[in-house]
Amino acid sequence: MLSSTAKYALRAVVYLAEHRQDEPLQVSVIADALGIPRNYLSKILHELARANVLLSARGKGGGFRIAATPEQISLLAVVEVFDQFNGNRRCLLGREECSDHSPCAAHGHWKTLSEEISTFFRETTVADLMGHVG
């Protein structure tokens, strides 16, 4: 459902939330702790900073930290930077036209499930995952 990039982003944001300090954390520290390739994680963290999910600081003592409290950051705010998650469902069976007016065989069940998934990402915060992601 989520790309590897979005999953790594979620893990990194939760890690940063759990390790909030006065000083930003360096990419290498986060990458080592989470087992994510450093260069790949660096690109992810910079994208999150451009989306105002994280704050970044350059130079000596630089690194990343979360831009708001964990309770203020929804999972949607993190994953939508990398995955299109705008609530528009694609037909599970790949039909060009699939709607309430012209449904495929899976439409009713898929619509209900996808709405629940969308609600989960909108209403679940980083704080809800703290202590549960490694």
Foldseek 3Di string as FASTA:
>chain_A
DADPLLVLQLLLQLVLLLVPDPFADALVVSCVVVVHPSVSSVVLQVLLVVLQQWPWDDDVSTHIHGNDHQQPAFSCSRRVSPDPLPLDDAQPVRDPDDDPVRHDPCRVVVNVVSVVVSCNRVNHTSVNCHPPHD
